[in-house]
């Protein structure tokens, strides 16, 4: 469990309030579509998010998730609670299925069976694993785009190559790549 530093902030809401006394920062805070693992229930979790927003948070970035329906239900709950800041989905490219599964267990994030099946047998095949990881994340993003989501946060975990591939798959190109493509045409 979290223990605040002596003289520090008790929680994220207090930190946001403290930052706002310094300057009018644009502050992103954490949000949990499957609730924070130390939170007793969704109501408490959403109340904490509301406190952060009331203290000046301007955006929330979610813990990663693999089920877009969970995100959609979470956003509905948040809106019903009167929270109207952007709720940016956190996308976790599966750089290592074993590591992501372990972290998911600690963070309280559900790993669907279909995801485990996609990575089954790829422990010793990093090339195919990277292709599957990019495809899975791109599919997730495209589904969220179809549901009206326009902003995303990628947890890169020092694997910019995966995020670059995902962005390419969903049609996002660097200015240099776009210019090179135009010149070749």
Protein backbone atom coordinates (compact mmCIF):
# COMPACT_ATOMS: atom_id res chain seq x y z
CA UNK A 1 0.00 0.00 0.00
CA UNK A 2 0.97 3.60 -0.63
CA UNK A 3 2.54 5.50 2.25
CA UNK A 4 2.97 9.24 1.76
CA UNK A 5 6.31 10.86 2.41
CA UNK A 6 6.28 12.79 5.71
CA UNK A 7 5.14 16.28 4.78
CA UNK A 8 4.09 15.01 1.33
CA UNK A 9 0.72 14.59 -0.28
CA UNK A 10 -1.77 11.98 0.93
CA UNK A 11 -3.07 11.25 -2.57
CA UNK A 12 -3.26 12.39 -6.18
CA UNK A 13 -6.05 14.88 -5.48
CA UNK A 14 -3.85 16.70 -2.96
CA UNK A 15 -0.94 16.69 -5.41
CA UNK A 16 -3.13 18.24 -8.12
CA UNK A 17 -4.27 20.95 -5.70
CA UNK A 18 -0.66 21.63 -4.74
CA UNK A 19 0.44 21.92 -8.37
CA UNK A 20 -2.38 24.33 -9.13
CA UNK A 21 -1.11 26.70 -6.41
CA UNK A 22 2.16 27.00 -8.36
CA UNK A 23 0.79 27.61 -11.87
CA UNK A 24 -2.15 26.86 -14.12
CA UNK A 25 -0.66 23.58 -15.33
CA UNK A 26 -2.39 21.19 -17.71
CA UNK A 27 -2.52 18.16 -15.40
CA UNK A 28 -3.14 14.57 -16.46
CA UNK A 29 -4.12 12.09 -13.77
CA UNK A 30 -4.57 8.33 -13.58
CA UNK A 31 -7.90 6.60 -14.16
CA UNK A 32 -8.75 2.92 -13.79
CA UNK A 33 -11.37 1.27 -16.03
CA UNK A 34 -11.14 -1.87 -13.85
CA UNK A 35 -10.70 0.21 -10.65
CA UNK A 36 -7.48 0.80 -8.78
CA UNK A 37 -6.32 -2.45 -7.14
CA UNK A 38 -6.30 -0.81 -3.69
CA UNK A 39 -9.73 0.78 -4.11
CA UNK A 40 -12.56 -1.05 -2.33
CA UNK A 41 -15.07 -0.42 -5.14
CA UNK A 42 -15.83 1.57 -8.28
CA UNK A 43 -17.74 4.27 -6.41
CA UNK A 44 -14.70 5.06 -4.23
CA UNK A 45 -12.42 4.96 -7.26
CA UNK A 46 -14.58 7.36 -9.27
CA UNK A 47 -14.95 9.64 -6.25
CA UNK A 48 -11.14 9.89 -6.10
CA UNK A 49 -11.05 10.80 -9.79
CA UNK A 50 -13.72 13.44 -9.15
CA UNK A 51 -11.61 14.93 -6.35
CA UNK A 52 -8.62 15.16 -8.71
CA UNK A 53 -10.79 16.89 -11.32
CA UNK A 54 -12.35 19.23 -8.75
CA UNK A 55 -8.80 20.19 -7.72
CA UNK A 56 -7.79 21.04 -11.29
CA UNK A 57 -6.96 17.92 -13.31
CA UNK A 58 -7.64 18.55 -17.00
CA UNK A 59 -7.29 15.05 -18.44
CA UNK A 60 -7.24 11.46 -17.23
CA UNK A 61 -5.15 8.70 -18.79
CA UNK A 62 -6.35 5.19 -18.07
CA UNK A 63 -4.48 2.19 -16.86
CA UNK A 64 -4.09 -0.13 -19.84
CA UNK A 65 -6.93 -2.50 -20.67
CA UNK A 66 -7.59 -5.03 -23.39
CA UNK A 67 -11.40 -5.02 -23.44
CA UNK A 68 -12.80 -1.89 -25.06
CA UNK A 69 -16.24 -2.56 -23.59
CA UNK A 70 -14.70 -2.07 -20.13
CA UNK A 71 -13.38 1.33 -21.19
CA UNK A 72 -16.73 2.34 -22.65
CA UNK A 73 -18.61 1.34 -19.48
CA UNK A 74 -16.02 3.19 -17.38
CA UNK A 75 -16.46 6.40 -19.37
CA UNK A 76 -20.24 6.09 -18.95
CA UNK A 77 -19.81 5.72 -15.15
CA UNK A 78 -17.46 8.70 -15.04
CA UNK A 79 -19.86 10.88 -17.03
CA UNK A 80 -22.78 9.87 -14.76
CA UNK A 81 -20.62 11.04 -11.84
CA UNK A 82 -20.38 14.49 -13.44
CA UNK A 83 -16.79 14.17 -14.68
CA UNK A 84 -16.39 15.63 -18.16
CA UNK A 85 -12.64 15.88 -18.75
CA UNK A 86 -11.15 13.76 -21.55
CA UNK A 87 -10.62 10.13 -20.51
CA UNK A 88 -7.70 9.04 -22.69
CA UNK A 89 -7.35 5.27 -23.11
CA UNK A 90 -4.00 3.78 -22.17
CA UNK A 91 -2.88 1.28 -24.80
CA UNK A 92 -0.30 -1.35 -23.83
CA UNK A 93 1.44 -2.98 -26.78
CA UNK A 94 2.25 -6.50 -25.59
CA UNK A 95 6.05 -6.34 -25.82
CA UNK A 96 6.30 -9.48 -23.66
CA UNK A 97 3.13 -11.43 -22.96
CA UNK A 98 4.57 -12.94 -19.78
CA UNK A 99 5.58 -9.52 -18.38
CA UNK A 100 2.28 -7.89 -19.35
CA UNK A 101 0.31 -10.78 -17.79
CA UNK A 102 2.31 -10.48 -14.55
CA UNK A 103 1.89 -6.72 -14.43
CA UNK A 104 -1.81 -7.06 -15.23
CA UNK A 105 -2.27 -9.39 -12.27
CA UNK A 106 -0.62 -6.86 -9.93
CA UNK A 107 -2.51 -3.91 -11.43
CA UNK A 108 -5.89 -5.63 -11.43
CA UNK A 109 -6.22 -5.52 -15.23
CA UNK A 110 -8.03 -8.44 -16.87
CA UNK A 111 -6.20 -10.35 -19.63
CA UNK A 112 -8.83 -11.93 -21.89
CA UNK A 113 -8.37 -15.53 -22.97
CA UNK A 114 -8.31 -14.55 -26.65
CA UNK A 115 -5.23 -12.39 -25.98
CA UNK A 116 -3.35 -15.25 -24.34
CA UNK A 117 -4.26 -17.46 -27.31
CA UNK A 118 -2.83 -14.95 -29.80
CA UNK A 119 0.57 -15.05 -28.07
CA UNK A 120 0.61 -18.77 -27.32
CA UNK A 121 3.82 -20.39 -28.52
CA UNK A 122 5.55 -17.12 -29.43
CA UNK A 123 7.98 -16.90 -26.48
CA UNK A 124 10.90 -17.93 -28.66
CA UNK A 125 9.77 -16.12 -31.82
CA UNK A 126 10.31 -12.39 -31.21
CA UNK A 127 9.58 -11.37 -34.81
CA UNK A 128 6.15 -12.98 -34.91
CA UNK A 129 5.47 -11.80 -31.35
CA UNK A 130 6.16 -8.19 -32.42
CA UNK A 131 3.88 -8.55 -35.45
CA UNK A 132 1.06 -9.95 -33.31
CA UNK A 133 1.61 -7.26 -30.64
CA UNK A 134 1.38 -4.50 -33.24
CA UNK A 135 -1.70 -6.01 -34.87
CA UNK A 136 -3.53 -6.51 -31.55
CA UNK A 137 -2.90 -2.93 -30.43
CA UNK A 138 -3.81 -1.51 -33.85
CA UNK A 139 -7.09 -3.49 -33.80
CA UNK A 140 -7.85 -2.14 -30.32
CA UNK A 141 -7.15 1.44 -31.38
CA UNK A 142 -9.22 1.16 -34.57
CA UNK A 143 -12.15 -0.25 -32.60
CA UNK A 144 -11.92 2.66 -30.17
CA UNK A 145 -11.76 5.12 -33.08
CA UNK A 146 -14.97 3.56 -34.45
CA UNK A 147 -16.52 4.17 -31.01
CA UNK A 148 -15.61 7.87 -31.21
CA UNK A 149 -12.31 7.97 -29.32
CA UNK A 150 -9.75 10.36 -30.82
CA UNK A 151 -6.83 10.50 -28.37
CA UNK A 152 -4.62 7.69 -27.10
CA UNK A 153 -1.73 7.17 -24.71
CA UNK A 154 0.70 4.39 -25.61
CA UNK A 155 2.69 2.70 -22.87
CA UNK A 156 5.85 2.20 -24.92
CA UNK A 157 7.97 0.39 -22.32
CA UNK A 158 11.05 1.40 -24.35
CA UNK A 159 9.64 -0.34 -27.42
CA UNK A 160 9.19 2.58 -29.79
CA UNK A 161 9.39 0.10 -32.68
CA UNK A 162 6.05 -1.44 -31.68
CA UNK A 163 4.35 1.94 -31.35
CA UNK A 164 5.82 3.08 -34.67
CA UNK A 165 4.38 -0.05 -36.32
CA UNK A 166 1.00 0.47 -34.64
CA UNK A 167 0.86 4.09 -35.79
CA UNK A 168 1.77 3.02 -39.31
CA UNK A 169 -0.98 0.36 -39.26
CA UNK A 170 -3.63 2.89 -38.21
CA UNK A 171 -2.53 5.44 -40.79
CA UNK A 172 -0.43 7.82 -38.73
CA UNK A 173 2.79 8.70 -40.50
CA UNK A 174 5.62 11.05 -39.68
CA UNK A 175 5.89 14.18 -41.81
CA UNK A 176 9.11 12.82 -43.32
CA UNK A 177 7.51 9.51 -44.29
CA UNK A 178 4.47 11.26 -45.74
CA UNK A 179 6.70 13.61 -47.76
CA UNK A 180 8.78 10.68 -49.04
CA UNK A 181 5.61 8.87 -50.08
CA UNK A 182 4.35 11.95 -51.95
CA UNK A 183 7.68 12.41 -53.72
CA UNK A 184 7.68 8.78 -54.87
CA UNK A 185 4.19 9.06 -56.39
